[in-house]
Amino acid sequence: MRYQVLVRLKEGVLDVQGKAVETGLRDQKFDAIKNVRVGRVIELDVDGVSKDAARKQVEDVCKILLANPVIEQYEIKEVL
């Protein structure tokens, strides 16, 4: 099973990369684009366990390693 994890900063946390992208877009005259947020996507293959066990492993990896729960949120999607 393949999972995709989207990690991004929580609302209210300053997104420095997002602000840099937004400034670059404004410099290129894309003035209508606002509130840019930058995140990261991590893809994981989980083999040899049930679907529930695979999802739990991905959830555990997110909590332990992939996201900082103080400032980040994550979303897990199963992909085909």
PDB file of N, CA and C in Angstrom:
ATOM      1  N   MET A   1       0.833  -1.174   0.000  1.00  0.00           N
ATOM      2  CA  MET A   1       0.000   0.000   0.000  1.00  0.00           C
ATOM      3  C   MET A   1       0.879   1.239   0.000  1.00  0.00           C
ATOM      4  N   ARG A   2       0.453   2.216  -0.760  1.00  0.00           N
ATOM      5  CA  ARG A   2       1.205   3.462  -0.841  1.00  0.00           C
ATOM      6  C   ARG A   2       0.391   4.562  -0.171  1.00  0.00           C
ATOM      7  N   TYR A   3       1.089   5.335   0.637  1.00  0.00           N
ATOM      8  CA  TYR A   3       0.469   6.457   1.330  1.00  0.00           C
ATOM      9  C   TYR A   3       1.207   7.731   0.982  1.00  0.00           C
ATOM     10  N   GLN A   4       0.464   8.803   0.977  1.00  0.00           N
ATOM     11  CA  GLN A   4       1.013  10.123   0.762  1.00  0.00           C
ATOM     12  C   GLN A   4       0.689  10.947   2.003  1.00  0.00           C
ATOM     13  N   VAL A   5       1.703  11.576   2.543  1.00  0.00           N
ATOM     14  CA  VAL A   5       1.538  12.402   3.738  1.00  0.00           C
ATOM     15  C   VAL A   5       1.835  13.850   3.360  1.00  0.00           C
ATOM     16  N   LEU A   6       0.885  14.719   3.643  1.00  0.00           N
ATOM     17  CA  LEU A   6       1.069  16.152   3.424  1.00  0.00           C
ATOM     18  C   LEU A   6       1.291  16.792   4.793  1.00  0.00           C
ATOM     19  N   VAL A   7       2.446  17.414   4.952  1.00  0.00           N
ATOM     20  CA  VAL A   7       2.792  18.084   6.209  1.00  0.00           C
ATOM     21  C   VAL A   7       2.873  19.578   5.929  1.00  0.00           C
ATOM     22  N   ARG A   8       2.183  20.349   6.754  1.00  0.00           N
ATOM     23  CA  ARG A   8       2.245  21.803   6.608  1.00  0.00           C
ATOM     24  C   ARG A   8       2.126  22.453   7.978  1.00  0.00           C
ATOM     25  N   LEU A   9       2.535  23.711   8.024  1.00  0.00           N
ATOM     26  CA  LEU A   9       2.471  24.442   9.281  1.00  0.00           C
ATOM     27  C   LEU A   9       1.017  24.681   9.682  1.00  0.00           C
ATOM     28  N   LYS A  10       0.780  24.688  10.981  1.00  0.00           N
ATOM     29  CA  LYS A  10      -0.557  24.984  11.485  1.00  0.00           C
ATOM     30  C   LYS A  10      -0.886  26.448  11.210  1.00  0.00           C
ATOM     31  N   GLU A  11      -2.177  26.722  11.123  1.00  0.00           N
ATOM     32  CA  GLU A  11      -2.621  28.110  10.977  1.00  0.00           C
ATOM     33  C   GLU A  11      -2.072  28.918  12.157  1.00  0.00           C
ATOM     34  N   GLY A  12      -1.651  30.115  11.867  1.00  0.00           N
ATOM     35  CA  GLY A  12      -1.128  30.987  12.918  1.00  0.00           C
ATOM     36  C   GLY A  12       0.377  30.899  13.086  1.00  0.00           C
ATOM     37  N   VAL A  13       1.006  29.876  12.503  1.00  0.00           N
ATOM     38  CA  VAL A  13       2.466  29.749  12.556  1.00  0.00           C
ATOM     39  C   VAL A  13       3.026  30.439  11.319  1.00  0.00           C
ATOM     40  N   LEU A  14       3.975  31.328  11.512  1.00  0.00           N
ATOM     41  CA  LEU A  14       4.562  32.084  10.401  1.00  0.00           C
ATOM     42  C   LEU A  14       5.234  31.135   9.418  1.00  0.00           C
ATOM     43  N   ASP A  15       4.826  31.203   8.166  1.00  0.00           N
ATOM     44  CA  ASP A  15       5.384  30.377   7.104  1.00  0.00           C
ATOM     45  C   ASP A  15       6.354  31.237   6.298  1.00  0.00           C
ATOM     46  N   VAL A  16       7.623  31.202   6.660  1.00  0.00           N
ATOM     47  CA  VAL A  16       8.636  32.044   6.029  1.00  0.00           C
ATOM     48  C   VAL A  16       8.787  31.684   4.548  1.00  0.00           C
ATOM     49  N   GLN A  17       8.785  30.393   4.239  1.00  0.00           N
ATOM     50  CA  GLN A  17       8.897  29.986   2.833  1.00  0.00           C
ATOM     51  C   GLN A  17       7.687  30.460   2.034  1.00  0.00           C
ATOM     52  N   GLY A  18       6.520  30.333   2.611  1.00  0.00           N
ATOM     53  CA  GLY A  18       5.315  30.793   1.937  1.00  0.00           C
ATOM     54  C   GLY A  18       5.371  32.284   1.648  1.00  0.00           C
ATOM     55  N   LYS A  19       5.847  33.052   2.619  1.00  0.00           N
ATOM     56  CA  LYS A  19       5.965  34.506   2.424  1.00  0.00           C
ATOM     57  C   LYS A  19       6.971  34.822   1.321  1.00  0.00           C
ATOM     58  N   ALA A  20       8.081  34.070   1.262  1.00  0.00           N
ATOM     59  CA  ALA A  20       9.080  34.287   0.214  1.00  0.00           C
ATOM     60  C   ALA A  20       8.487  33.992  -1.165  1.00  0.00           C
ATOM     61  N   VAL A  21       7.733  32.915  -1.279  1.00  0.00           N
ATOM     62  CA  VAL A  21       7.079  32.581  -2.547  1.00  0.00           C
ATOM     63  C   VAL A  21       6.074  33.669  -2.910  1.00  0.00           C
ATOM     64  N   GLU A  22       5.300  34.101  -1.942  1.00  0.00           N
ATOM     65  CA  GLU A  22       4.305  35.146  -2.191  1.00  0.00           C
ATOM     66  C   GLU A  22       4.973  36.433  -2.680  1.00  0.00           C
ATOM     67  N   THR A  23       6.087  36.798  -2.076  1.00  0.00           N
ATOM     68  CA  THR A  23       6.819  37.994  -2.503  1.00  0.00           C
ATOM     69  C   THR A  23       7.326  37.829  -3.934  1.00  0.00           C
ATOM     70  N   GLY A  24       7.856  36.645  -4.243  1.00  0.00           N
ATOM     71  CA  GLY A  24       8.328  36.380  -5.604  1.00  0.00           C
ATOM     72  C   GLY A  24       7.198  36.455  -6.618  1.00  0.00           C
ATOM     73  N   LEU A  25       6.051  35.932  -6.255  1.00  0.00           N
ATOM     74  CA  LEU A  25       4.895  35.999  -7.152  1.00  0.00           C
ATOM     75  C   LEU A  25       4.447  37.441  -7.371  1.00  0.00           C
ATOM     76  N   ARG A  26       4.433  38.209  -6.295  1.00  0.00           N
ATOM     77  CA  ARG A  26       4.053  39.621  -6.410  1.00  0.00           C
ATOM     78  C   ARG A  26       5.046  40.367  -7.308  1.00  0.00           C
ATOM     79  N   ASP A  27       6.348  40.054  -7.162  1.00  0.00           N
ATOM     80  CA  ASP A  27       7.367  40.677  -8.013  1.00  0.00           C
ATOM     81  C   ASP A  27       7.158  40.336  -9.488  1.00  0.00           C
ATOM     82  N   GLN A  28       6.539  39.193  -9.749  1.00  0.00           N
ATOM     83  CA  GLN A  28       6.257  38.761 -11.127  1.00  0.00           C
ATOM     84  C   GLN A  28       4.856  39.194 -11.580  1.00  0.00           C
ATOM     85  N   LYS A  29       4.251  40.074 -10.808  1.00  0.00           N
ATOM     86  CA  LYS A  29       2.935  40.668 -11.136  1.00  0.00           C
ATOM     87  C   LYS A  29       1.760  39.703 -10.972  1.00  0.00           C
ATOM     88  N   PHE A  30       1.905  38.681 -10.144  1.00  0.00           N
ATOM     89  CA  PHE A  30       0.784  37.807  -9.796  1.00  0.00           C
ATOM     90  C   PHE A  30       0.139  38.350  -8.520  1.00  0.00           C
ATOM     91  N   ASP A  31      -0.426  39.534  -8.615  1.00  0.00           N
ATOM     92  CA  ASP A  31      -0.928  40.261  -7.459  1.00  0.00           C
ATOM     93  C   ASP A  31      -2.180  39.652  -6.835  1.00  0.00           C
ATOM     94  N   ALA A  32      -2.910  38.849  -7.582  1.00  0.00           N
ATOM     95  CA  ALA A  32      -4.156  38.277  -7.060  1.00  0.00           C
ATOM     96  C   ALA A  32      -3.906  37.095  -6.125  1.00  0.00           C
ATOM     97  N   ILE A  33      -2.689  36.541  -6.120  1.00  0.00           N
ATOM     98  CA  ILE A  33      -2.383  35.373  -5.279  1.00  0.00           C
ATOM     99  C   ILE A  33      -1.975  35.847  -3.891  1.00  0.00           C
ATOM    100  N   LYS A  34      -2.653  35.308  -2.879  1.00  0.00           N
ATOM    101  CA  LYS A  34      -2.423  35.723  -1.494  1.00  0.00           C
ATOM    102  C   LYS A  34      -2.330  34.496  -0.581  1.00  0.00           C
ATOM    103  N   ASN A  35      -1.802  34.700   0.595  1.00  0.00           N
ATOM    104  CA  ASN A  35      -1.768  33.692   1.661  1.00  0.00           C
ATOM    105  C   ASN A  35      -1.142  32.366   1.216  1.00  0.00           C
ATOM    106  N   VAL A  36       0.038  32.438   0.623  1.00  0.00           N
ATOM    107  CA  VAL A  36       0.742  31.246   0.148  1.00  0.00           C
ATOM    108  C   VAL A  36       1.295  30.479   1.346  1.00  0.00           C
ATOM    109  N   ARG A  37       1.062  29.181   1.358  1.00  0.00           N
ATOM    110  CA  ARG A  37       1.593  28.292   2.394  1.00  0.00           C
ATOM    111  C   ARG A  37       2.396  27.201   1.701  1.00  0.00           C
ATOM    112  N   VAL A  38       3.539  26.874   2.245  1.00  0.00           N
ATOM    113  CA  VAL A  38       4.394  25.835   1.676  1.00  0.00           C
ATOM    114  C   VAL A  38       4.390  24.635   2.614  1.00  0.00           C
ATOM    115  N   GLY A  39       4.270  23.459   2.039  1.00  0.00           N
ATOM    116  CA  GLY A  39       4.313  22.223   2.824  1.00  0.00           C
ATOM    117  C   GLY A  39       5.220  21.231   2.138  1.00  0.00           C
ATOM    118  N   ARG A  40       5.165  20.005   2.600  1.00  0.00           N
ATOM    119  CA  ARG A  40       5.956  18.964   1.957  1.00  0.00           C
ATOM    120  C   ARG A  40       5.120  17.698   1.832  1.00  0.00           C
ATOM    121  N   VAL A  41       5.410  16.930   0.803  1.00  0.00           N
ATOM    122  CA  VAL A  41       4.716  15.675   0.546  1.00  0.00           C
ATOM    123  C   VAL A  41       5.722  14.551   0.691  1.00  0.00           C
ATOM    124  N   ILE A  42       5.360  13.540   1.452  1.00  0.00           N
ATOM    125  CA  ILE A  42       6.188  12.357   1.642  1.00  0.00           C
ATOM    126  C   ILE A  42       5.381  11.153   1.197  1.00  0.00           C
ATOM    127  N   GLU A  43       5.946  10.322   0.322  1.00  0.00           N
ATOM    128  CA  GLU A  43       5.271   9.102  -0.107  1.00  0.00           C
ATOM    129  C   GLU A  43       5.935   7.907   0.545  1.00  0.00           C
ATOM    130  N   LEU A  44       5.102   6.986   1.024  1.00  0.00           N
ATOM    131  CA  LEU A  44       5.590   5.799   1.736  1.00  0.00           C
ATOM    132  C   LEU A  44       4.911   4.561   1.183  1.00  0.00           C
ATOM    133  N   ASP A  45       5.667   3.500   0.964  1.00  0.00           N
ATOM    134  CA  ASP A  45       5.107   2.194   0.643  1.00  0.00           C
ATOM    135  C   ASP A  45       5.198   1.340   1.894  1.00  0.00           C
ATOM    136  N   VAL A  46       4.099   0.695   2.241  1.00  0.00           N
ATOM    137  CA  VAL A  46       4.055  -0.182   3.407  1.00  0.00           C
ATOM    138  C   VAL A  46       3.641  -1.564   2.917  1.00  0.00           C
ATOM    139  N   ASP A  47       4.494  -2.543   3.113  1.00  0.00           N
ATOM    140  CA  ASP A  47       4.247  -3.891   2.612  1.00  0.00           C
ATOM    141  C   ASP A  47       4.158  -4.891   3.757  1.00  0.00           C
ATOM    142  N   GLY A  48       3.440  -5.969   3.490  1.00  0.00           N
ATOM    143  CA  GLY A  48       3.460  -7.118   4.379  1.00  0.00           C
ATOM    144  C   GLY A  48       2.582  -7.036   5.609  1.00  0.00           C
ATOM    145  N   VAL A  49       1.703  -6.050   5.687  1.00  0.00           N
ATOM    146  CA  VAL A  49       0.797  -5.943   6.835  1.00  0.00           C
ATOM    147  C   VAL A  49      -0.602  -5.610   6.329  1.00  0.00           C
ATOM    148  N   SER A  50      -1.580  -5.748   7.190  1.00  0.00           N
ATOM    149  CA  SER A  50      -2.962  -5.428   6.810  1.00  0.00           C
ATOM    150  C   SER A  50      -3.111  -3.930   6.553  1.00  0.00           C
ATOM    151  N   LYS A  51      -4.214  -3.573   5.923  1.00  0.00           N
ATOM    152  CA  LYS A  51      -4.483  -2.169   5.626  1.00  0.00           C
ATOM    153  C   LYS A  51      -4.549  -1.333   6.905  1.00  0.00           C
ATOM    154  N   ASP A  52      -5.209  -1.854   7.928  1.00  0.00           N
ATOM    155  CA  ASP A  52      -5.307  -1.126   9.201  1.00  0.00           C
ATOM    156  C   ASP A  52      -3.943  -0.963   9.854  1.00  0.00           C
ATOM    157  N   ALA A  53      -3.144  -2.031   9.829  1.00  0.00           N
ATOM    158  CA  ALA A  53      -1.807  -1.973  10.430  1.00  0.00           C
ATOM    159  C   ALA A  53      -0.905  -1.013   9.652  1.00  0.00           C
ATOM    160  N   ALA A  54      -1.040  -1.009   8.331  1.00  0.00           N
ATOM    161  CA  ALA A  54      -0.243  -0.096   7.509  1.00  0.00           C
ATOM    162  C   ALA A  54      -0.585   1.355   7.839  1.00  0.00           C
ATOM    163  N   ARG A  55      -1.863   1.651   7.903  1.00  0.00           N
ATOM    164  CA  ARG A  55      -2.307   3.016   8.226  1.00  0.00           C
ATOM    165  C   ARG A  55      -1.788   3.437   9.602  1.00  0.00           C
ATOM    166  N   LYS A  56      -1.840   2.524  10.566  1.00  0.00           N
ATOM    167  CA  LYS A  56      -1.353   2.816  11.919  1.00  0.00           C
ATOM    168  C   LYS A  56       0.148   3.107  11.905  1.00  0.00           C
ATOM    169  N   GLN A  57       0.894   2.326  11.117  1.00  0.00           N
ATOM    170  CA  GLN A  57       2.342   2.566  11.033  1.00  0.00           C
ATOM    171  C   GLN A  57       2.631   3.952  10.457  1.00  0.00           C
ATOM    172  N   VAL A  58       1.906   4.317   9.418  1.00  0.00           N
ATOM    173  CA  VAL A  58       2.110   5.638   8.821  1.00  0.00           C
ATOM    174  C   VAL A  58       1.751   6.731   9.828  1.00  0.00           C
ATOM    175  N   GLU A  59       0.652   6.537  10.539  1.00  0.00           N
ATOM    176  CA  GLU A  59       0.255   7.494  11.579  1.00  0.00           C
ATOM    177  C   GLU A  59       1.349   7.636  12.643  1.00  0.00           C
ATOM    178  N   ASP A  60       1.895   6.516  13.087  1.00  0.00           N
ATOM    179  CA  ASP A  60       2.963   6.540  14.094  1.00  0.00           C
ATOM    180  C   ASP A  60       4.214   7.244  13.570  1.00  0.00           C
ATOM    181  N   VAL A  61       4.577   6.980  12.318  1.00  0.00           N
ATOM    182  CA  VAL A  61       5.749   7.625  11.718  1.00  0.00           C
ATOM    183  C   VAL A  61       5.542   9.136  11.651  1.00  0.00           C
ATOM    184  N   CYS A  62       4.335   9.560  11.327  1.00  0.00           N
ATOM    185  CA  CYS A  62       4.043  10.991  11.282  1.00  0.00           C
ATOM    186  C   CYS A  62       4.238  11.628  12.653  1.00  0.00           C
ATOM    187  N   LYS A  63       3.697  10.987  13.668  1.00  0.00           N
ATOM    188  CA  LYS A  63       3.778  11.531  15.028  1.00  0.00           C
ATOM    189  C   LYS A  63       5.207  11.562  15.552  1.00  0.00           C
ATOM    190  N   ILE A  64       5.990  10.542  15.213  1.00  0.00           N
ATOM    191  CA  ILE A  64       7.340  10.401  15.766  1.00  0.00           C
ATOM    192  C   ILE A  64       8.397  11.154  14.967  1.00  0.00           C
ATOM    193  N   LEU A  65       8.253  11.142  13.627  1.00  0.00           N
ATOM    194  CA  LEU A  65       9.367  11.604  12.804  1.00  0.00           C
ATOM    195  C   LEU A  65       9.020  12.668  11.763  1.00  0.00           C
ATOM    196  N   LEU A  66       7.907  12.533  11.088  1.00  0.00           N
ATOM    197  CA  LEU A  66       7.649  13.371   9.922  1.00  0.00           C
ATOM    198  C   LEU A  66       7.071  14.744  10.233  1.00  0.00           C
ATOM    199  N   ALA A  67       6.400  14.894  11.350  1.00  0.00           N
ATOM    200  CA  ALA A  67       5.766  16.180  11.665  1.00  0.00           C
ATOM    201  C   ALA A  67       6.063  16.568  13.111  1.00  0.00           C
ATOM    202  N   ASN A  68       6.232  17.847  13.316  1.00  0.00           N
ATOM    203  CA  ASN A  68       6.376  18.388  14.659  1.00  0.00           C
ATOM    204  C   ASN A  68       4.979  18.799  15.118  1.00  0.00           C
ATOM    205  N   PRO A  69       4.372  18.038  16.040  1.00  0.00           N
ATOM    206  CA  PRO A  69       2.977  18.296  16.407  1.00  0.00           C
ATOM    207  C   PRO A  69       2.734  19.659  17.051  1.00  0.00           C
ATOM    208  N   VAL A  70       3.768  20.319  17.493  1.00  0.00           N
ATOM    209  CA  VAL A  70       3.604  21.636  18.105  1.00  0.00           C
ATOM    210  C   VAL A  70       3.266  22.684  17.042  1.00  0.00           C
ATOM    211  N   ILE A  71       3.910  22.604  15.880  1.00  0.00           N
ATOM    212  CA  ILE A  71       3.732  23.641  14.866  1.00  0.00           C
ATOM    213  C   ILE A  71       3.199  23.126  13.528  1.00  0.00           C
ATOM    214  N   GLU A  72       3.125  21.794  13.355  1.00  0.00           N
ATOM    215  CA  GLU A  72       2.721  21.251  12.066  1.00  0.00           C
ATOM    216  C   GLU A  72       1.492  20.352  12.193  1.00  0.00           C
ATOM    217  N   GLN A  73       0.773  20.252  11.104  1.00  0.00           N
ATOM    218  CA  GLN A  73      -0.332  19.309  10.992  1.00  0.00           C
ATOM    219  C   GLN A  73      -0.033  18.406   9.802  1.00  0.00           C
ATOM    220  N   TYR A  74      -0.645  17.249   9.783  1.00  0.00           N
ATOM    221  CA  TYR A  74      -0.418  16.355   8.648  1.00  0.00           C
ATOM    222  C   TYR A  74      -1.725  15.711   8.232  1.00  0.00           C
ATOM    223  N   GLU A  75      -1.711  15.286   6.974  1.00  0.00           N
ATOM    224  CA  GLU A  75      -2.878  14.625   6.385  1.00  0.00           C
ATOM    225  C   GLU A  75      -2.361  13.387   5.651  1.00  0.00           C
ATOM    226  N   ILE A  76      -2.991  12.253   5.887  1.00  0.00           N
ATOM    227  CA  ILE A  76      -2.582  10.999   5.273  1.00  0.00           C
ATOM    228  C   ILE A  76      -3.613  10.590   4.235  1.00  0.00           C
ATOM    229  N   LYS A  77      -3.111  10.242   3.027  1.00  0.00           N
ATOM    230  CA  LYS A  77      -3.990   9.753   1.966  1.00  0.00           C
ATOM    231  C   LYS A  77      -3.417   8.439   1.433  1.00  0.00           C
ATOM    232  N   GLU A  78      -4.278   7.477   1.226  1.00  0.00           N
ATOM    233  CA  GLU A  78      -3.859   6.248   0.553  1.00  0.00           C
ATOM    234  C   GLU A  78      -3.946   6.513  -0.941  1.00  0.00           C
ATOM    235  N   VAL A  79      -2.877   6.196  -1.651  1.00  0.00           N
ATOM    236  CA  VAL A  79      -2.861   6.408  -3.105  1.00  0.00           C
ATOM    237  C   VAL A  79      -2.753   5.077  -3.814  1.00  0.00           C
ATOM    238  N   LEU A  80      -3.281   5.035  -5.010  1.00  0.00           N
ATOM    239  CA  LEU A  80      -3.270   3.801  -5.777  1.00  0.00           C
ATOM    240  C   LEU A  80      -2.033   3.672  -6.623  1.00  0.00           C
TER     241      LEU A  80
END
